[in-house]
Amino acid sequence: MKQPCPECELRAIQSSITKESLEREVSAMKYVQGITAPENQYKNRLDICEKCSALVSQIMCSECGAYVLFRAKNKKSSCPRAKWAAQGC
């Protein structure tokens, strides 16, 4: 029996990821002080990301490879281009 190609499997998973599916996941995350960014900070970070030339397909940063919605939600994350900084480290 032929083993599935890991690269093909990864492409299949990535093709099913959309901005909407990521938004659902992030919106389901509960706020945890010191870990998740407050809503206003999260939205401010996303506004910056949405204007950045490194944003790919409205979901991924080509600079670091992160899904921007998750990076922006993590209070201790920062922008790889230094457009916004980590908070509370």
PDB file of N, CA and C in Angstrom:
ATOM      1  N   MET A   1       0.844  -1.185   0.000  1.00  0.00           N
ATOM      2  CA  MET A   1       0.000   0.000   0.000  1.00  0.00           C
ATOM      3  C   MET A   1       0.887   1.244   0.000  1.00  0.00           C
ATOM      4  N   LYS A   2       0.572   2.172  -0.855  1.00  0.00           N
ATOM      5  CA  LYS A   2       1.356   3.395  -0.993  1.00  0.00           C
ATOM      6  C   LYS A   2       1.037   4.381   0.138  1.00  0.00           C
ATOM      7  N   GLN A   3       2.081   4.937   0.756  1.00  0.00           N
ATOM      8  CA  GLN A   3       1.930   5.920   1.816  1.00  0.00           C
ATOM      9  C   GLN A   3       1.514   7.266   1.218  1.00  0.00           C
ATOM     10  N   PRO A   4       0.593   7.968   1.873  1.00  0.00           N
ATOM     11  CA  PRO A   4       0.216   9.292   1.370  1.00  0.00           C
ATOM     12  C   PRO A   4       1.406  10.250   1.488  1.00  0.00           C
ATOM     13  N   CYS A   5       1.506  11.139   0.557  1.00  0.00           N
ATOM     14  CA  CYS A   5       2.577  12.124   0.544  1.00  0.00           C
ATOM     15  C   CYS A   5       2.306  13.182   1.614  1.00  0.00           C
ATOM     16  N   PRO A   6       3.220  13.375   2.577  1.00  0.00           N
ATOM     17  CA  PRO A   6       3.000  14.371   3.633  1.00  0.00           C
ATOM     18  C   PRO A   6       2.797  15.784   3.073  1.00  0.00           C
ATOM     19  N   GLU A   7       3.514  16.115   2.038  1.00  0.00           N
ATOM     20  CA  GLU A   7       3.364  17.450   1.436  1.00  0.00           C
ATOM     21  C   GLU A   7       1.970  17.616   0.837  1.00  0.00           C
ATOM     22  N   CYS A   8       1.468  16.584   0.182  1.00  0.00           N
ATOM     23  CA  CYS A   8       0.118  16.634  -0.394  1.00  0.00           C
ATOM     24  C   CYS A   8      -0.940  16.733   0.705  1.00  0.00           C
ATOM     25  N   GLU A   9      -0.735  16.002   1.793  1.00  0.00           N
ATOM     26  CA  GLU A   9      -1.668  16.076   2.913  1.00  0.00           C
ATOM     27  C   GLU A   9      -1.683  17.482   3.514  1.00  0.00           C
ATOM     28  N   LEU A  10      -0.508  18.085   3.665  1.00  0.00           N
ATOM     29  CA  LEU A  10      -0.430  19.441   4.200  1.00  0.00           C
ATOM     30  C   LEU A  10      -1.132  20.433   3.277  1.00  0.00           C
ATOM     31  N   ARG A  11      -0.927  20.303   1.977  1.00  0.00           N
ATOM     32  CA  ARG A  11      -1.613  21.188   1.023  1.00  0.00           C
ATOM     33  C   ARG A  11      -3.128  21.049   1.128  1.00  0.00           C
ATOM     34  N   ALA A  12      -3.606  19.836   1.300  1.00  0.00           N
ATOM     35  CA  ALA A  12      -5.049  19.606   1.414  1.00  0.00           C
ATOM     36  C   ALA A  12      -5.597  20.280   2.667  1.00  0.00           C
ATOM     37  N   ILE A  13      -4.869  20.163   3.767  1.00  0.00           N
ATOM     38  CA  ILE A  13      -5.301  20.816   5.012  1.00  0.00           C
ATOM     39  C   ILE A  13      -5.294  22.325   4.835  1.00  0.00           C
ATOM     40  N   GLN A  14      -4.217  22.863   4.286  1.00  0.00           N
ATOM     41  CA  GLN A  14      -4.095  24.306   4.123  1.00  0.00           C
ATOM     42  C   GLN A  14      -5.143  24.859   3.164  1.00  0.00           C
ATOM     43  N   SER A  15      -5.534  24.095   2.167  1.00  0.00           N
ATOM     44  CA  SER A  15      -6.532  24.587   1.207  1.00  0.00           C
ATOM     45  C   SER A  15      -7.906  24.717   1.853  1.00  0.00           C
ATOM     46  N   SER A  16      -8.128  24.018   2.974  1.00  0.00           N
ATOM     47  CA  SER A  16      -9.423  24.107   3.651  1.00  0.00           C
ATOM     48  C   SER A  16      -9.462  25.243   4.674  1.00  0.00           C
ATOM     49  N   ILE A  17      -8.319  25.868   4.927  1.00  0.00           N
ATOM     50  CA  ILE A  17      -8.257  26.966   5.890  1.00  0.00           C
ATOM     51  C   ILE A  17      -8.630  28.266   5.193  1.00  0.00           C
ATOM     52  N   THR A  18      -9.621  28.925   5.744  1.00  0.00           N
ATOM     53  CA  THR A  18     -10.063  30.200   5.190  1.00  0.00           C
ATOM     54  C   THR A  18     -10.041  31.265   6.285  1.00  0.00           C
ATOM     55  N   LYS A  19     -10.169  32.500   5.875  1.00  0.00           N
ATOM     56  CA  LYS A  19     -10.240  33.584   6.856  1.00  0.00           C
ATOM     57  C   LYS A  19     -11.432  33.361   7.783  1.00  0.00           C
ATOM     58  N   GLU A  20     -12.539  32.926   7.223  1.00  0.00           N
ATOM     59  CA  GLU A  20     -13.749  32.698   8.014  1.00  0.00           C
ATOM     60  C   GLU A  20     -13.541  31.579   9.034  1.00  0.00           C
ATOM     61  N   SER A  21     -12.885  30.497   8.631  1.00  0.00           N
ATOM     62  CA  SER A  21     -12.664  29.396   9.575  1.00  0.00           C
ATOM     63  C   SER A  21     -11.714  29.824  10.693  1.00  0.00           C
ATOM     64  N   LEU A  22     -10.702  30.619  10.366  1.00  0.00           N
ATOM     65  CA  LEU A  22      -9.799  31.128  11.393  1.00  0.00           C
ATOM     66  C   LEU A  22     -10.512  32.107  12.321  1.00  0.00           C
ATOM     67  N   GLU A  23     -11.369  32.956  11.761  1.00  0.00           N
ATOM     68  CA  GLU A  23     -12.138  33.897  12.581  1.00  0.00           C
ATOM     69  C   GLU A  23     -13.025  33.161  13.574  1.00  0.00           C
ATOM     70  N   ARG A  24     -13.644  32.052  13.140  1.00  0.00           N
ATOM     71  CA  ARG A  24     -14.476  31.249  14.043  1.00  0.00           C
ATOM     72  C   ARG A  24     -13.631  30.697  15.196  1.00  0.00           C
ATOM     73  N   GLU A  25     -12.451  30.183  14.874  1.00  0.00           N
ATOM     74  CA  GLU A  25     -11.574  29.622  15.903  1.00  0.00           C
ATOM     75  C   GLU A  25     -11.129  30.686  16.902  1.00  0.00           C
ATOM     76  N   VAL A  26     -10.729  31.843  16.389  1.00  0.00           N
ATOM     77  CA  VAL A  26     -10.245  32.913  17.262  1.00  0.00           C
ATOM     78  C   VAL A  26     -11.384  33.478  18.105  1.00  0.00           C
ATOM     79  N   SER A  27     -12.562  33.630  17.521  1.00  0.00           N
ATOM     80  CA  SER A  27     -13.680  34.185  18.290  1.00  0.00           C
ATOM     81  C   SER A  27     -14.130  33.232  19.398  1.00  0.00           C
ATOM     82  N   ALA A  28     -13.845  31.958  19.258  1.00  0.00           N
ATOM     83  CA  ALA A  28     -14.206  30.982  20.286  1.00  0.00           C
ATOM     84  C   ALA A  28     -13.204  30.967  21.443  1.00  0.00           C
ATOM     85  N   MET A  29     -12.068  31.613  21.243  1.00  0.00           N
ATOM     86  CA  MET A  29     -11.049  31.661  22.296  1.00  0.00           C
ATOM     87  C   MET A  29     -11.499  32.590  23.415  1.00  0.00           C
ATOM     88  N   LYS A  30     -11.374  32.131  24.629  1.00  0.00           N
ATOM     89  CA  LYS A  30     -11.737  32.956  25.780  1.00  0.00           C
ATOM     90  C   LYS A  30     -10.573  33.880  26.122  1.00  0.00           C
ATOM     91  N   TYR A  31     -10.921  35.058  26.617  1.00  0.00           N
ATOM     92  CA  TYR A  31      -9.902  36.009  27.047  1.00  0.00           C
ATOM     93  C   TYR A  31      -9.253  35.493  28.323  1.00  0.00           C
ATOM     94  N   VAL A  32      -7.938  35.443  28.323  1.00  0.00           N
ATOM     95  CA  VAL A  32      -7.174  35.047  29.501  1.00  0.00           C
ATOM     96  C   VAL A  32      -6.147  36.143  29.754  1.00  0.00           C
ATOM     97  N   GLN A  33      -6.290  36.826  30.874  1.00  0.00           N
ATOM     98  CA  GLN A  33      -5.404  37.939  31.190  1.00  0.00           C
ATOM     99  C   GLN A  33      -3.942  37.489  31.147  1.00  0.00           C
ATOM    100  N   GLY A  34      -3.125  38.269  30.466  1.00  0.00           N
ATOM    101  CA  GLY A  34      -1.703  37.972  30.351  1.00  0.00           C
ATOM    102  C   GLY A  34      -1.353  37.069  29.188  1.00  0.00           C
ATOM    103  N   ILE A  35      -2.367  36.455  28.581  1.00  0.00           N
ATOM    104  CA  ILE A  35      -2.099  35.540  27.470  1.00  0.00           C
ATOM    105  C   ILE A  35      -2.728  36.044  26.176  1.00  0.00           C
ATOM    106  N   THR A  36      -4.008  36.353  26.216  1.00  0.00           N
ATOM    107  CA  THR A  36      -4.680  36.842  25.014  1.00  0.00           C
ATOM    108  C   THR A  36      -4.784  38.364  25.056  1.00  0.00           C
ATOM    109  N   ALA A  37      -4.696  38.951  23.888  1.00  0.00           N
ATOM    110  CA  ALA A  37      -4.789  40.403  23.779  1.00  0.00           C
ATOM    111  C   ALA A  37      -6.228  40.847  23.990  1.00  0.00           C
ATOM    112  N   PRO A  38      -6.438  41.980  24.654  1.00  0.00           N
ATOM    113  CA  PRO A  38      -7.787  42.526  24.771  1.00  0.00           C
ATOM    114  C   PRO A  38      -8.334  42.826  23.366  1.00  0.00           C
ATOM    115  N   GLU A  39      -9.642  42.829  23.231  1.00  0.00           N
ATOM    116  CA  GLU A  39     -10.292  42.966  21.919  1.00  0.00           C
ATOM    117  C   GLU A  39      -9.815  44.205  21.155  1.00  0.00           C
ATOM    118  N   ASN A  40      -9.695  45.352  21.829  1.00  0.00           N
ATOM    119  CA  ASN A  40      -9.276  46.568  21.120  1.00  0.00           C
ATOM    120  C   ASN A  40      -7.836  46.446  20.610  1.00  0.00           C
ATOM    121  N   GLN A  41      -6.967  45.831  21.371  1.00  0.00           N
ATOM    122  CA  GLN A  41      -5.584  45.623  20.941  1.00  0.00           C
ATOM    123  C   GLN A  41      -5.538  44.632  19.777  1.00  0.00           C
ATOM    124  N   TYR A  42      -6.310  43.568  19.873  1.00  0.00           N
ATOM    125  CA  TYR A  42      -6.397  42.563  18.813  1.00  0.00           C
ATOM    126  C   TYR A  42      -6.843  43.209  17.500  1.00  0.00           C
ATOM    127  N   LYS A  43      -7.896  44.002  17.551  1.00  0.00           N
ATOM    128  CA  LYS A  43      -8.407  44.648  16.336  1.00  0.00           C
ATOM    129  C   LYS A  43      -7.408  45.652  15.781  1.00  0.00           C
ATOM    130  N   ASN A  44      -6.718  46.381  16.636  1.00  0.00           N
ATOM    131  CA  ASN A  44      -5.705  47.329  16.190  1.00  0.00           C
ATOM    132  C   ASN A  44      -4.577  46.602  15.458  1.00  0.00           C
ATOM    133  N   ARG A  45      -4.140  45.495  16.017  1.00  0.00           N
ATOM    134  CA  ARG A  45      -3.091  44.699  15.373  1.00  0.00           C
ATOM    135  C   ARG A  45      -3.548  44.197  14.008  1.00  0.00           C
ATOM    136  N   LEU A  46      -4.774  43.694  13.938  1.00  0.00           N
ATOM    137  CA  LEU A  46      -5.286  43.199  12.659  1.00  0.00           C
ATOM    138  C   LEU A  46      -5.393  44.313  11.622  1.00  0.00           C
ATOM    139  N   ASP A  47      -5.801  45.494  12.037  1.00  0.00           N
ATOM    140  CA  ASP A  47      -5.860  46.636  11.118  1.00  0.00           C
ATOM    141  C   ASP A  47      -4.492  46.902  10.511  1.00  0.00           C
ATOM    142  N   ILE A  48      -3.460  46.822  11.324  1.00  0.00           N
ATOM    143  CA  ILE A  48      -2.097  47.030  10.839  1.00  0.00           C
ATOM    144  C   ILE A  48      -1.711  45.921   9.859  1.00  0.00           C
ATOM    145  N   CYS A  49      -2.011  44.684  10.224  1.00  0.00           N
ATOM    146  CA  CYS A  49      -1.681  43.537   9.360  1.00  0.00           C
ATOM    147  C   CYS A  49      -2.399  43.622   8.015  1.00  0.00           C
ATOM    148  N   GLU A  50      -3.658  44.037   8.033  1.00  0.00           N
ATOM    149  CA  GLU A  50      -4.435  44.099   6.796  1.00  0.00           C
ATOM    150  C   GLU A  50      -3.869  45.096   5.791  1.00  0.00           C
ATOM    151  N   LYS A  51      -3.099  46.068   6.258  1.00  0.00           N
ATOM    152  CA  LYS A  51      -2.498  47.068   5.378  1.00  0.00           C
ATOM    153  C   LYS A  51      -1.073  46.702   4.966  1.00  0.00           C
ATOM    154  N   CYS A  52      -0.561  45.605   5.483  1.00  0.00           N
ATOM    155  CA  CYS A  52       0.837  45.223   5.269  1.00  0.00           C
ATOM    156  C   CYS A  52       1.013  44.423   3.978  1.00  0.00           C
ATOM    157  N   SER A  53       2.088  44.705   3.276  1.00  0.00           N
ATOM    158  CA  SER A  53       2.374  43.990   2.020  1.00  0.00           C
ATOM    159  C   SER A  53       2.778  42.533   2.258  1.00  0.00           C
ATOM    160  N   ALA A  54       3.078  42.154   3.496  1.00  0.00           N
ATOM    161  CA  ALA A  54       3.447  40.765   3.807  1.00  0.00           C
ATOM    162  C   ALA A  54       2.232  39.860   4.007  1.00  0.00           C
ATOM    163  N   LEU A  55       1.028  40.434   4.035  1.00  0.00           N
ATOM    164  CA  LEU A  55      -0.184  39.629   4.245  1.00  0.00           C
ATOM    165  C   LEU A  55      -0.517  38.853   2.974  1.00  0.00           C
ATOM    166  N   VAL A  56      -0.693  37.551   3.130  1.00  0.00           N
ATOM    167  CA  VAL A  56      -0.995  36.665   2.005  1.00  0.00           C
ATOM    168  C   VAL A  56      -2.376  36.066   2.197  1.00  0.00           C
ATOM    169  N   SER A  57      -3.210  36.158   1.190  1.00  0.00           N
ATOM    170  CA  SER A  57      -4.551  35.555   1.200  1.00  0.00           C
ATOM    171  C   SER A  57      -5.387  35.995   2.396  1.00  0.00           C
ATOM    172  N   GLN A  58      -5.142  37.161   2.911  1.00  0.00           N
ATOM    173  CA  GLN A  58      -5.863  37.746   4.041  1.00  0.00           C
ATOM    174  C   GLN A  58      -5.705  36.967   5.342  1.00  0.00           C
ATOM    175  N   ILE A  59      -4.771  35.996   5.390  1.00  0.00           N
ATOM    176  CA  ILE A  59      -4.672  35.185   6.602  1.00  0.00           C
ATOM    177  C   ILE A  59      -3.254  34.923   7.090  1.00  0.00           C
ATOM    178  N   MET A  60      -2.257  34.990   6.220  1.00  0.00           N
ATOM    179  CA  MET A  60      -0.923  34.552   6.611  1.00  0.00           C
ATOM    180  C   MET A  60       0.122  35.633   6.372  1.00  0.00           C
ATOM    181  N   CYS A  61       1.065  35.722   7.288  1.00  0.00           N
ATOM    182  CA  CYS A  61       2.185  36.653   7.157  1.00  0.00           C
ATOM    183  C   CYS A  61       3.307  35.956   6.387  1.00  0.00           C
ATOM    184  N   SER A  62       3.694  36.529   5.259  1.00  0.00           N
ATOM    185  CA  SER A  62       4.768  35.918   4.475  1.00  0.00           C
ATOM    186  C   SER A  62       6.130  36.134   5.119  1.00  0.00           C
ATOM    187  N   GLU A  63       6.206  37.058   6.041  1.00  0.00           N
ATOM    188  CA  GLU A  63       7.464  37.346   6.743  1.00  0.00           C
ATOM    189  C   GLU A  63       7.814  36.228   7.725  1.00  0.00           C
ATOM    190  N   CYS A  64       6.807  35.732   8.458  1.00  0.00           N
ATOM    191  CA  CYS A  64       7.081  34.725   9.494  1.00  0.00           C
ATOM    192  C   CYS A  64       6.298  33.422   9.311  1.00  0.00           C
ATOM    193  N   GLY A  65       5.303  33.419   8.438  1.00  0.00           N
ATOM    194  CA  GLY A  65       4.520  32.211   8.197  1.00  0.00           C
ATOM    195  C   GLY A  65       3.367  31.992   9.158  1.00  0.00           C
ATOM    196  N   ALA A  66       3.122  32.940  10.049  1.00  0.00           N
ATOM    197  CA  ALA A  66       2.054  32.787  11.043  1.00  0.00           C
ATOM    198  C   ALA A  66       0.699  33.181  10.463  1.00  0.00           C
ATOM    199  N   TYR A  67      -0.354  32.562  10.992  1.00  0.00           N
ATOM    200  CA  TYR A  67      -1.702  33.031  10.703  1.00  0.00           C
ATOM    201  C   TYR A  67      -1.891  34.287  11.539  1.00  0.00           C
ATOM    202  N   VAL A  68      -2.139  35.408  10.892  1.00  0.00           N
ATOM    203  CA  VAL A  68      -2.132  36.699  11.582  1.00  0.00           C
ATOM    204  C   VAL A  68      -3.211  36.795  12.657  1.00  0.00           C
ATOM    205  N   LEU A  69      -4.333  36.142  12.486  1.00  0.00           N
ATOM    206  CA  LEU A  69      -5.379  36.214  13.504  1.00  0.00           C
ATOM    207  C   LEU A  69      -4.902  35.625  14.830  1.00  0.00           C
ATOM    208  N   PHE A  70      -4.155  34.524  14.774  1.00  0.00           N
ATOM    209  CA  PHE A  70      -3.636  33.919  15.999  1.00  0.00           C
ATOM    210  C   PHE A  70      -2.482  34.736  16.571  1.00  0.00           C
ATOM    211  N   ARG A  71      -1.607  35.229  15.700  1.00  0.00           N
ATOM    212  CA  ARG A  71      -0.485  36.042  16.176  1.00  0.00           C
ATOM    213  C   ARG A  71      -1.008  37.305  16.852  1.00  0.00           C
ATOM    214  N   ALA A  72      -2.004  37.944  16.254  1.00  0.00           N
ATOM    215  CA  ALA A  72      -2.560  39.174  16.825  1.00  0.00           C
ATOM    216  C   ALA A  72      -3.276  38.907  18.143  1.00  0.00           C
ATOM    217  N   LYS A  73      -3.848  37.737  18.305  1.00  0.00           N
ATOM    218  CA  LYS A  73      -4.596  37.395  19.522  1.00  0.00           C
ATOM    219  C   LYS A  73      -3.670  37.091  20.699  1.00  0.00           C
ATOM    220  N   ASN A  74      -2.457  36.641  20.415  1.00  0.00           N
ATOM    221  CA  ASN A  74      -1.502  36.310  21.459  1.00  0.00           C
ATOM    222  C   ASN A  74      -0.850  37.591  21.969  1.00  0.00           C
ATOM    223  N   LYS A  75      -1.102  37.917  23.202  1.00  0.00           N
ATOM    224  CA  LYS A  75      -0.613  39.171  23.788  1.00  0.00           C
ATOM    225  C   LYS A  75       0.907  39.294  23.728  1.00  0.00           C
ATOM    226  N   LYS A  76       1.602  38.178  23.821  1.00  0.00           N
ATOM    227  CA  LYS A  76       3.055  38.201  23.864  1.00  0.00           C
ATOM    228  C   LYS A  76       3.715  38.067  22.494  1.00  0.00           C
ATOM    229  N   SER A  77       2.920  38.003  21.434  1.00  0.00           N
ATOM    230  CA  SER A  77       3.461  37.958  20.077  1.00  0.00           C
ATOM    231  C   SER A  77       3.793  39.363  19.607  1.00  0.00           C
ATOM    232  N   SER A  78       4.635  39.436  18.624  1.00  0.00           N
ATOM    233  CA  SER A  78       4.960  40.725  18.019  1.00  0.00           C
ATOM    234  C   SER A  78       5.027  40.569  16.509  1.00  0.00           C
ATOM    235  N   CYS A  79       4.977  41.682  15.812  1.00  0.00           N
ATOM    236  CA  CYS A  79       5.065  41.697  14.364  1.00  0.00           C
ATOM    237  C   CYS A  79       6.523  41.505  13.954  1.00  0.00           C
ATOM    238  N   PRO A  80       6.796  40.611  13.010  1.00  0.00           N
ATOM    239  CA  PRO A  80       8.181  40.412  12.579  1.00  0.00           C
ATOM    240  C   PRO A  80       8.766  41.642  11.870  1.00  0.00           C
ATOM    241  N   ARG A  81       7.911  42.541  11.431  1.00  0.00           N
ATOM    242  CA  ARG A  81       8.367  43.784  10.800  1.00  0.00           C
ATOM    243  C   ARG A  81       8.329  44.963  11.781  1.00  0.00           C
ATOM    244  N   ALA A  82       8.111  44.670  13.047  1.00  0.00           N
ATOM    245  CA  ALA A  82       8.085  45.665  14.129  1.00  0.00           C
ATOM    246  C   ALA A  82       7.016  46.740  13.923  1.00  0.00           C
ATOM    247  N   LYS A  83       5.883  46.352  13.344  1.00  0.00           N
ATOM    248  CA  LYS A  83       4.773  47.298  13.166  1.00  0.00           C
ATOM    249  C   LYS A  83       3.900  47.356  14.415  1.00  0.00           C
ATOM    250  N   TRP A  84       3.953  46.320  15.240  1.00  0.00           N
ATOM    251  CA  TRP A  84       3.322  46.318  16.557  1.00  0.00           C
ATOM    252  C   TRP A  84       4.139  45.401  17.463  1.00  0.00           C
ATOM    253  N   ALA A  85       4.123  45.722  18.746  1.00  0.00           N
ATOM    254  CA  ALA A  85       4.983  45.023  19.703  1.00  0.00           C
ATOM    255  C   ALA A  85       4.210  44.114  20.637  1.00  0.00           C
ATOM    256  N   ALA A  86       4.929  43.185  21.227  1.00  0.00           N
ATOM    257  CA  ALA A  86       4.363  42.313  22.255  1.00  0.00           C
ATOM    258  C   ALA A  86       4.052  43.171  23.472  1.00  0.00           C
ATOM    259  N   GLN A  87       3.089  42.740  24.246  1.00  0.00           N
ATOM    260  CA  GLN A  87       2.688  43.474  25.449  1.00  0.00           C
ATOM    261  C   GLN A  87       2.789  42.554  26.660  1.00  0.00           C
ATOM    262  N   GLY A  88       3.259  43.091  27.752  1.00  0.00           N
ATOM    263  CA  GLY A  88       3.257  42.362  29.006  1.00  0.00           C
ATOM    264  C   GLY A  88       4.275  41.256  29.124  1.00  0.00           C
ATOM    265  N   CYS A  89       5.361  41.336  28.387  1.00  0.00           N
ATOM    266  CA  CYS A  89       6.393  40.297  28.484  1.00  0.00           C
ATOM    267  C   CYS A  89       7.288  40.517  29.672  1.00  0.00           C
TER     268      CYS A  89
END
